């Protein structure tokens, strides 16, 4: 089983992970959602928001934009990041389940390093 987090802005993926207040926490098994929970993180401190995400122990985060600092802190905690994904959450999940989007390496502001 893997745990996935998606930052929300309504029914869409939030434009910025480090500013999002609402998150969808999903437990996935055999490409199916077995548990789904809405989480709200209220803080003006971006580092505190990142630390709260880390404490939820996700395996993967599907998000749109994020700062380099956010990326570094999350990957130091062995969290895989699938960045620069836009649109409806349901569409992103379908694309993840079919393998259309996946974690593919180290990024720096949207450009693959290797």
N, C-alpha and C. Protein backbone atom coordinates (compact mmCIF):
# COMPACT_ATOMS: atom_id res chain seq x y z
N UNK A 1 0.85 -1.17 0.00
CA UNK A 1 0.00 0.00 0.00
C UNK A 1 0.89 1.23 0.00
N UNK A 2 0.48 2.26 -0.75
CA UNK A 2 1.22 3.51 -0.76
C UNK A 2 0.29 4.66 -0.38
N UNK A 3 0.90 5.69 0.18
CA UNK A 3 0.15 6.88 0.59
C UNK A 3 0.52 8.01 -0.36
N UNK A 4 -0.49 8.70 -0.85
CA UNK A 4 -0.33 9.76 -1.82
C UNK A 4 -0.99 11.02 -1.28
N UNK A 5 -0.36 12.17 -1.49
CA UNK A 5 -0.93 13.46 -1.10
C UNK A 5 -1.03 14.34 -2.33
N UNK A 6 -2.16 15.03 -2.47
CA UNK A 6 -2.36 16.00 -3.53
C UNK A 6 -2.85 17.30 -2.89
N UNK A 7 -2.14 18.43 -3.11
CA UNK A 7 -2.64 19.71 -2.60
C UNK A 7 -3.83 20.17 -3.45
N UNK A 8 -4.86 20.68 -2.79
CA UNK A 8 -6.12 21.01 -3.46
C UNK A 8 -6.37 22.51 -3.57
N UNK A 9 -7.04 22.86 -4.66
CA UNK A 9 -7.66 24.17 -4.83
C UNK A 9 -9.00 23.88 -5.47
N UNK A 10 -10.01 23.68 -4.63
CA UNK A 10 -11.31 23.21 -5.11
C UNK A 10 -11.17 21.76 -5.54
N UNK A 11 -11.57 21.47 -6.78
CA UNK A 11 -11.44 20.11 -7.31
C UNK A 11 -10.18 19.96 -8.19
N UNK A 12 -9.36 21.00 -8.15
CA UNK A 12 -8.15 21.01 -8.98
C UNK A 12 -6.91 20.90 -8.11
N UNK A 13 -5.79 20.57 -8.75
CA UNK A 13 -4.51 20.55 -8.06
C UNK A 13 -4.10 21.99 -7.80
N UNK A 14 -3.71 22.28 -6.58
CA UNK A 14 -3.31 23.64 -6.20
C UNK A 14 -2.10 24.09 -7.03
N UNK A 15 -2.06 25.36 -7.42
CA UNK A 15 -0.93 25.85 -8.20
C UNK A 15 0.41 25.78 -7.45
N UNK A 16 0.36 25.86 -6.12
CA UNK A 16 1.60 25.83 -5.33
C UNK A 16 1.44 24.93 -4.12
N UNK A 17 2.30 23.93 -4.02
CA UNK A 17 2.27 23.01 -2.89
C UNK A 17 2.52 23.72 -1.57
N UNK A 18 3.51 24.61 -1.54
CA UNK A 18 3.93 25.22 -0.28
C UNK A 18 2.98 26.31 0.21
N UNK A 19 1.95 26.66 -0.56
CA UNK A 19 0.94 27.62 -0.10
C UNK A 19 -0.43 26.99 0.11
N UNK A 20 -0.59 25.74 -0.28
CA UNK A 20 -1.90 25.08 -0.19
C UNK A 20 -2.30 24.88 1.27
N UNK A 21 -3.59 25.02 1.54
CA UNK A 21 -4.13 24.75 2.87
C UNK A 21 -4.90 23.43 2.91
N UNK A 22 -5.41 22.99 1.77
CA UNK A 22 -6.23 21.79 1.70
C UNK A 22 -5.49 20.71 0.93
N UNK A 23 -5.56 19.49 1.46
CA UNK A 23 -4.86 18.36 0.86
C UNK A 23 -5.76 17.14 0.85
N UNK A 24 -5.58 16.31 -0.17
CA UNK A 24 -6.25 15.02 -0.24
C UNK A 24 -5.20 13.97 0.11
N UNK A 25 -5.47 13.17 1.12
CA UNK A 25 -4.58 12.09 1.55
C UNK A 25 -5.24 10.78 1.13
N UNK A 26 -4.53 10.02 0.30
CA UNK A 26 -5.11 8.80 -0.27
C UNK A 26 -4.24 7.60 0.03
N UNK A 27 -4.88 6.49 0.40
CA UNK A 27 -4.19 5.21 0.52
C UNK A 27 -4.54 4.42 -0.73
N UNK A 28 -3.50 3.96 -1.42
CA UNK A 28 -3.66 3.29 -2.71
C UNK A 28 -3.15 1.86 -2.61
N UNK A 29 -3.94 0.93 -3.14
CA UNK A 29 -3.52 -0.46 -3.21
C UNK A 29 -4.00 -1.04 -4.54
N UNK A 30 -3.08 -1.64 -5.28
CA UNK A 30 -3.40 -2.21 -6.60
C UNK A 30 -4.11 -1.21 -7.50
N UNK A 31 -3.60 0.01 -7.53
CA UNK A 31 -4.13 1.09 -8.37
C UNK A 31 -5.57 1.47 -8.06
N UNK A 32 -5.97 1.24 -6.82
CA UNK A 32 -7.31 1.62 -6.38
C UNK A 32 -7.21 2.38 -5.06
N UNK A 33 -8.10 3.35 -4.89
CA UNK A 33 -8.15 4.11 -3.65
C UNK A 33 -8.88 3.28 -2.60
N UNK A 34 -8.20 2.98 -1.50
CA UNK A 34 -8.83 2.20 -0.43
C UNK A 34 -9.25 3.09 0.74
N UNK A 35 -8.63 4.27 0.83
CA UNK A 35 -8.99 5.22 1.88
C UNK A 35 -8.69 6.62 1.36
N UNK A 36 -9.58 7.56 1.70
CA UNK A 36 -9.45 8.93 1.23
C UNK A 36 -9.81 9.87 2.37
N UNK A 37 -8.98 10.89 2.58
CA UNK A 37 -9.20 11.81 3.69
C UNK A 37 -8.82 13.22 3.26
N UNK A 38 -9.63 14.19 3.65
CA UNK A 38 -9.31 15.60 3.41
C UNK A 38 -8.61 16.17 4.63
N UNK A 39 -7.50 16.85 4.40
CA UNK A 39 -6.68 17.42 5.48
C UNK A 39 -6.59 18.92 5.26
N UNK A 40 -6.65 19.68 6.34
CA UNK A 40 -6.46 21.13 6.25
C UNK A 40 -5.26 21.51 7.12
N UNK A 41 -4.32 22.22 6.52
CA UNK A 41 -3.14 22.70 7.25
C UNK A 41 -3.17 24.22 7.23
N UNK A 42 -3.38 24.80 8.41
CA UNK A 42 -3.44 26.25 8.52
C UNK A 42 -2.17 26.73 9.22
N UNK A 43 -1.33 27.40 8.47
CA UNK A 43 -0.14 28.04 9.02
C UNK A 43 0.38 29.03 7.99
N UNK A 44 0.95 30.12 8.43
CA UNK A 44 1.56 31.08 7.52
C UNK A 44 3.03 30.75 7.29
N UNK A 45 3.54 29.79 8.02
CA UNK A 45 4.94 29.40 7.93
C UNK A 45 5.07 28.23 6.95
N UNK A 46 5.72 28.47 5.81
CA UNK A 46 5.84 27.43 4.78
C UNK A 46 6.65 26.23 5.26
N UNK A 47 7.68 26.46 6.07
CA UNK A 47 8.49 25.36 6.58
C UNK A 47 7.65 24.47 7.51
N UNK A 48 6.79 25.08 8.32
CA UNK A 48 5.90 24.32 9.19
C UNK A 48 4.92 23.48 8.35
N UNK A 49 4.42 24.06 7.26
CA UNK A 49 3.52 23.33 6.36
C UNK A 49 4.24 22.10 5.78
N UNK A 50 5.49 22.30 5.34
CA UNK A 50 6.29 21.19 4.81
C UNK A 50 6.49 20.12 5.88
N UNK A 51 6.81 20.53 7.10
CA UNK A 51 7.02 19.56 8.18
C UNK A 51 5.75 18.79 8.51
N UNK A 52 4.61 19.44 8.44
CA UNK A 52 3.34 18.73 8.69
C UNK A 52 3.07 17.70 7.59
N UNK A 53 3.41 18.05 6.35
CA UNK A 53 3.26 17.10 5.25
C UNK A 53 4.17 15.90 5.49
N UNK A 54 5.41 16.16 5.88
CA UNK A 54 6.38 15.08 6.15
C UNK A 54 5.87 14.16 7.25
N UNK A 55 5.25 14.74 8.29
CA UNK A 55 4.73 13.93 9.40
C UNK A 55 3.57 13.02 8.99
N UNK A 56 2.90 13.33 7.87
CA UNK A 56 1.84 12.45 7.36
C UNK A 56 2.43 11.23 6.67
N UNK A 57 3.74 11.22 6.44
CA UNK A 57 4.49 10.10 5.87
C UNK A 57 3.96 9.62 4.51
N UNK A 58 3.79 10.56 3.56
CA UNK A 58 3.37 10.10 2.23
C UNK A 58 4.53 9.43 1.49
N UNK A 59 4.20 8.53 0.60
CA UNK A 59 5.20 7.94 -0.29
C UNK A 59 5.41 8.85 -1.50
N UNK A 60 4.31 9.45 -1.97
CA UNK A 60 4.32 10.24 -3.19
C UNK A 60 3.47 11.49 -3.02
N UNK A 61 3.91 12.58 -3.63
CA UNK A 61 3.11 13.80 -3.71
C UNK A 61 2.96 14.15 -5.18
N UNK A 62 1.72 14.31 -5.62
CA UNK A 62 1.43 14.83 -6.96
C UNK A 62 1.07 16.30 -6.76
N UNK A 63 1.81 17.19 -7.42
CA UNK A 63 1.57 18.62 -7.22
C UNK A 63 1.86 19.40 -8.50
N UNK A 64 1.62 20.67 -8.44
CA UNK A 64 1.97 21.56 -9.54
C UNK A 64 3.30 22.21 -9.16
N UNK A 65 3.31 23.51 -8.88
CA UNK A 65 4.55 24.19 -8.55
C UNK A 65 4.97 23.99 -7.11
N UNK A 66 6.27 24.06 -6.89
CA UNK A 66 6.82 24.02 -5.54
C UNK A 66 8.19 24.68 -5.57
N UNK A 67 8.60 25.18 -4.42
CA UNK A 67 9.90 25.82 -4.34
C UNK A 67 11.00 24.77 -4.26
N UNK A 68 12.20 25.19 -4.58
CA UNK A 68 13.34 24.28 -4.47
C UNK A 68 13.51 23.82 -3.02
N UNK A 69 13.32 24.73 -2.07
CA UNK A 69 13.44 24.40 -0.65
C UNK A 69 12.45 23.31 -0.26
N UNK A 70 11.22 23.45 -0.72
CA UNK A 70 10.17 22.47 -0.45
C UNK A 70 10.57 21.12 -1.05
N UNK A 71 11.03 21.13 -2.29
CA UNK A 71 11.45 19.90 -2.96
C UNK A 71 12.57 19.21 -2.18
N UNK A 72 13.57 19.97 -1.77
CA UNK A 72 14.71 19.41 -1.03
C UNK A 72 14.26 18.77 0.27
N UNK A 73 13.46 19.49 1.06
CA UNK A 73 13.02 18.97 2.36
C UNK A 73 12.19 17.69 2.21
N UNK A 74 11.32 17.67 1.22
CA UNK A 74 10.47 16.49 1.03
C UNK A 74 11.28 15.29 0.52
N UNK A 75 12.17 15.52 -0.42
CA UNK A 75 12.95 14.39 -0.94
C UNK A 75 13.99 13.90 0.07
N UNK A 76 14.45 14.77 0.97
CA UNK A 76 15.33 14.33 2.06
C UNK A 76 14.62 13.32 2.95
N UNK A 77 13.29 13.42 3.00
CA UNK A 77 12.48 12.51 3.81
C UNK A 77 12.00 11.32 2.98
N UNK A 78 12.64 11.09 1.84
CA UNK A 78 12.33 9.96 0.95
C UNK A 78 10.91 9.99 0.40
N UNK A 79 10.38 11.18 0.19
CA UNK A 79 9.08 11.34 -0.44
C UNK A 79 9.32 11.60 -1.93
N UNK A 80 8.66 10.82 -2.77
CA UNK A 80 8.77 11.01 -4.22
C UNK A 80 7.83 12.13 -4.64
N UNK A 81 8.30 12.99 -5.53
CA UNK A 81 7.52 14.13 -5.99
C UNK A 81 7.23 13.98 -7.48
N UNK A 82 5.97 14.18 -7.84
CA UNK A 82 5.57 14.26 -9.25
C UNK A 82 5.09 15.70 -9.45
N UNK A 83 6.00 16.59 -9.87
CA UNK A 83 5.66 18.01 -9.96
C UNK A 83 5.10 18.42 -11.32
N UNK A 84 4.62 19.65 -11.37
CA UNK A 84 4.19 20.34 -12.59
C UNK A 84 2.97 19.68 -13.23
N UNK A 85 2.11 19.09 -12.38
CA UNK A 85 0.87 18.48 -12.86
C UNK A 85 -0.27 19.46 -12.58
N UNK A 86 -1.04 19.76 -13.60
CA UNK A 86 -2.14 20.71 -13.49
C UNK A 86 -3.45 20.02 -13.79
N UNK A 87 -4.54 20.64 -13.36
CA UNK A 87 -5.86 20.17 -13.75
C UNK A 87 -6.66 19.55 -12.63
N UNK A 88 -7.68 18.82 -13.03
CA UNK A 88 -8.59 18.18 -12.09
C UNK A 88 -7.90 17.02 -11.38
N UNK A 89 -8.23 16.84 -10.11
CA UNK A 89 -7.61 15.79 -9.31
C UNK A 89 -7.95 14.41 -9.87
N UNK A 90 -9.20 14.19 -10.26
CA UNK A 90 -9.60 12.89 -10.78
C UNK A 90 -8.82 12.52 -12.04
N UNK A 91 -8.59 13.49 -12.90
CA UNK A 91 -7.82 13.24 -14.12
C UNK A 91 -6.37 12.89 -13.79
N UNK A 92 -5.78 13.62 -12.82
CA UNK A 92 -4.40 13.34 -12.41
C UNK A 92 -4.29 11.94 -11.82
N UNK A 93 -5.25 11.54 -11.01
CA UNK A 93 -5.23 10.19 -10.42
C UNK A 93 -5.36 9.13 -11.50
N UNK A 94 -6.25 9.34 -12.47
CA UNK A 94 -6.40 8.39 -13.57
C UNK A 94 -5.10 8.26 -14.34
N UNK A 95 -4.43 9.39 -14.59
CA UNK A 95 -3.15 9.38 -15.30
C UNK A 95 -2.06 8.69 -14.48
N UNK A 96 -2.12 8.83 -13.16
CA UNK A 96 -1.15 8.16 -12.29
C UNK A 96 -1.39 6.64 -12.30
N UNK A 97 -2.65 6.24 -12.18
CA UNK A 97 -2.98 4.81 -12.14
C UNK A 97 -2.62 4.11 -13.46
N UNK A 98 -2.73 4.81 -14.57
CA UNK A 98 -2.41 4.21 -15.87
C UNK A 98 -0.93 4.31 -16.21
N UNK A 99 -0.16 5.01 -15.38
CA UNK A 99 1.27 5.14 -15.62
C UNK A 99 1.64 6.29 -16.53
N UNK A 100 0.65 7.09 -16.94
CA UNK A 100 0.91 8.22 -17.83
C UNK A 100 1.79 9.27 -17.14
N UNK A 101 1.56 9.49 -15.83
CA UNK A 101 2.45 10.35 -15.05
C UNK A 101 3.11 9.50 -13.98
N UNK A 102 4.37 9.78 -13.70
CA UNK A 102 5.11 9.03 -12.70
C UNK A 102 6.31 9.83 -12.23
N UNK A 103 6.85 9.44 -11.11
CA UNK A 103 8.05 10.06 -10.56
C UNK A 103 9.20 9.62 -11.44
N UNK A 104 9.97 10.60 -11.95
CA UNK A 104 10.98 10.22 -12.94
C UNK A 104 12.36 10.81 -12.68
N UNK A 105 12.65 11.18 -11.47
CA UNK A 105 14.00 11.64 -11.20
C UNK A 105 14.07 12.94 -10.46
N UNK A 106 15.22 13.55 -10.51
CA UNK A 106 15.49 14.76 -9.76
C UNK A 106 15.17 15.98 -10.62
N UNK A 107 14.47 16.94 -10.04
CA UNK A 107 14.07 18.13 -10.78
C UNK A 107 14.62 19.38 -10.11
N UNK A 108 14.77 20.40 -10.89
CA UNK A 108 15.08 21.72 -10.36
C UNK A 108 14.26 22.71 -11.15
N UNK A 109 13.22 23.22 -10.55
CA UNK A 109 12.33 24.18 -11.15
C UNK A 109 11.80 23.72 -12.50
N UNK A 110 11.40 22.44 -12.55
CA UNK A 110 10.72 21.91 -13.72
C UNK A 110 11.62 21.30 -14.77
N UNK A 111 12.92 21.41 -14.64
CA UNK A 111 13.82 20.83 -15.62
C UNK A 111 14.52 19.64 -15.01
N UNK A 112 14.46 18.53 -15.71
CA UNK A 112 15.12 17.34 -15.21
C UNK A 112 16.64 17.55 -15.22
N UNK A 113 17.29 17.20 -14.12
CA UNK A 113 18.73 17.41 -14.03
C UNK A 113 19.50 16.34 -14.79
N UNK A 114 19.07 15.08 -14.72
CA UNK A 114 19.76 13.98 -15.40
C UNK A 114 18.78 13.16 -16.19
